C-alpha atoms as a PDB file:
ATOM      1  CA  MET A   1      94.739  93.357 110.504  1.00  0.00           C
ATOM      2  CA  ASP A   2      97.153  92.335 107.740  1.00  0.00           C
ATOM      3  CA  LYS A   3     100.321  94.290 108.046  1.00  0.00           C
ATOM      4  CA  GLU A   4     101.141  93.040 104.666  1.00  0.00           C
ATOM      5  CA  MET A   5      98.117  94.804 102.913  1.00  0.00           C
ATOM      6  CA  SER A   6      99.268  97.526 100.663  1.00  0.00           C
ATOM      7  CA  LEU A   7      98.562 100.918 101.178  1.00  0.00           C
ATOM      8  CA  GLU A   8      95.883 101.059  98.349  1.00  0.00           C
ATOM      9  CA  GLN A   9      94.192  97.908  99.649  1.00  0.00           C
ATOM     10  CA  ALA A  10      94.088  99.340 103.159  1.00  0.00           C
ATOM     11  CA  ASN A  11      92.689 102.582 101.784  1.00  0.00           C
ATOM     12  CA  ASP A  12      90.029 100.738  99.572  1.00  0.00           C
ATOM     13  CA  LEU A  13      89.052  98.684 102.563  1.00  0.00           C
ATOM     14  CA  LEU A  14      88.710 101.972 104.775  1.00  0.00           C
ATOM     15  CA  GLU A  15      86.557 103.597 102.300  1.00  0.00           C
ATOM     16  CA  GLN A  16      84.288 100.633 101.977  1.00  0.00           C
ATOM     17  CA  THR A  17      83.948 100.415 105.887  1.00  0.00           C
ATOM     18  CA  ILE A  18      83.192 104.170 106.000  1.00  0.00           C
ATOM     19  CA  LYS A  19      80.595 103.716 103.403  1.00  0.00           C
ATOM     20  CA  GLN A  20      79.120 100.827 105.543  1.00  0.00           C
ATOM     21  CA  LEU A  21      78.970 103.088 108.511  1.00  0.00           C
ATOM     22  CA  GLU A  22      77.306 105.989 106.638  1.00  0.00           C
ATOM     23  CA  ASN A  23      74.868 104.123 104.392  1.00  0.00           C
ATOM     24  CA  ARG A  24      73.078 101.748 107.015  1.00  0.00           C
ATOM     25  CA  ALA A  25      70.935 101.902 109.921  1.00  0.00           C
ATOM     26  CA  LEU A  26      73.149  99.550 111.956  1.00  0.00           C
ATOM     27  CA  PRO A  27      72.910  98.060 115.355  1.00  0.00           C
ATOM     28  CA  MET A  28      75.207  99.714 117.893  1.00  0.00           C
ATOM     29  CA  ASP A  29      77.250  96.681 118.346  1.00  0.00           C
ATOM     30  CA  GLU A  30      78.032  96.530 114.392  1.00  0.00           C
ATOM     31  CA  SER A  31      78.620  99.996 114.236  1.00  0.00           C
ATOM     32  CA  ILE A  32      81.263 100.122 117.006  1.00  0.00           C
ATOM     33  CA  GLU A  33      83.050  97.001 115.294  1.00  0.00           C
ATOM     34  CA  LEU A  34      83.145  98.870 112.042  1.00  0.00           C
ATOM     35  CA  TYR A  35      84.333 102.008 113.947  1.00  0.00           C
ATOM     36  CA  ALA A  36      87.055  99.972 115.376  1.00  0.00           C
ATOM     37  CA  LYS A  37      87.962  98.387 112.018  1.00  0.00           C
ATOM     38  CA  ALA A  38      88.203 101.861 110.422  1.00  0.00           C
ATOM     39  CA  CYS A  39      90.391 103.086 113.037  1.00  0.00           C
ATOM     40  CA  GLU A  40      92.788 100.013 112.692  1.00  0.00           C
ATOM     41  CA  LEU A  41      92.782 100.683 108.941  1.00  0.00           C
ATOM     42  CA  LEU A  42      93.373 104.441 109.284  1.00  0.00           C
ATOM     43  CA  ALA A  43      96.346 103.742 111.679  1.00  0.00           C
ATOM     44  CA  LEU A  44      97.578 101.202 109.008  1.00  0.00           C
ATOM     45  CA  CYS A  45      97.430 103.747 106.313  1.00  0.00           C
ATOM     46  CA  MET A  46      99.133 106.413 108.398  1.00  0.00           C
ATOM     47  CA  LYS A  47     101.935 103.891 109.285  1.00  0.00           C
ATOM     48  CA  LYS A  48     102.582 103.215 105.717  1.00  0.00           C
ATOM     49  CA  LEU A  49     102.359 106.798 104.559  1.00  0.00           C
ATOM     50  CA  ASP A  50     104.908 107.736 107.217  1.00  0.00           C
ATOM     51  CA  ALA A  51     107.226 104.909 105.921  1.00  0.00           C
ATOM     52  CA  TYR A  52     107.080 106.008 102.562  1.00  0.00           C
ATOM     53  CA  LYS A  53     107.689 109.597 103.567  1.00  0.00           C
ATOM     54  CA  GLY A  54     110.923 108.364 105.508  1.00  0.00           C
ATOM     55  CA  ARG A  55     111.990 106.486 102.297  1.00  0.00           C
ATOM     56  CA  ILE A  56     111.553 109.734 100.198  1.00  0.00           C
ATOM     57  CA  GLU A  57     113.431 111.720 102.662  1.00  0.00           C
ATOM     58  CA  GLN A  58     116.333 109.231 102.580  1.00  0.00           C
ATOM     59  CA  ILE A  59     116.199 109.481  98.730  1.00  0.00           C
ATOM     60  CA  ASP A  60     116.290 113.170  98.703  1.00  0.00           C
ATOM     61  CA  GLN A  61     119.150 113.208 101.394  1.00  0.00           C
ATOM     62  CA  LYS A  62     121.251 110.870  99.255  1.00  0.00           C
ATOM     63  CA  LEU A  63     120.475 113.046  96.161  1.00  0.00           C
ATOM     64  CA  ALA A  64     121.877 116.130  98.014  1.00  0.00           C
ATOM     65  CA  ARG A  65     124.847 114.340  99.216  1.00  0.00           C
ATOM     66  CA  ASP A  66     125.640 112.967  95.693  1.00  0.00           C
ATOM     67  CA  MET A  67     125.112 116.449  94.279  1.00  0.00           C
ATOM     68  CA  THR A  68     127.314 118.038  96.750  1.00  0.00           C
ATOM     69  CA  GLU A  69     130.006 115.581  96.199  1.00  0.00           C
ATOM     70  CA  ASP A  70     129.806 116.133  92.450  1.00  0.00           C
ATOM     71  CA  ASN A  71     130.259 119.726  92.704  1.00  0.00           C
ATOM     72  CA  TYR A  72     132.730 120.029  95.460  1.00  0.00           C
ATOM     73  CA  GLY A  73     134.356 116.539  95.604  1.00  0.00           C
END
């Protein structure tokens, strides 16, 4: 799995993989492979979302510190 894949790319690929699982009568081996791929993509999306959330929290904390310093500093 490409760790440098963007969230949007991973999400698009995840959606395509889910559609493949939903829209076909696949052999069990292929279904399991697609399921594993979907799980990896989901984990990658969640990891990237957590990183974005952490970054947003850092920005919010910095803004709060800056505002406090401006008001009381």
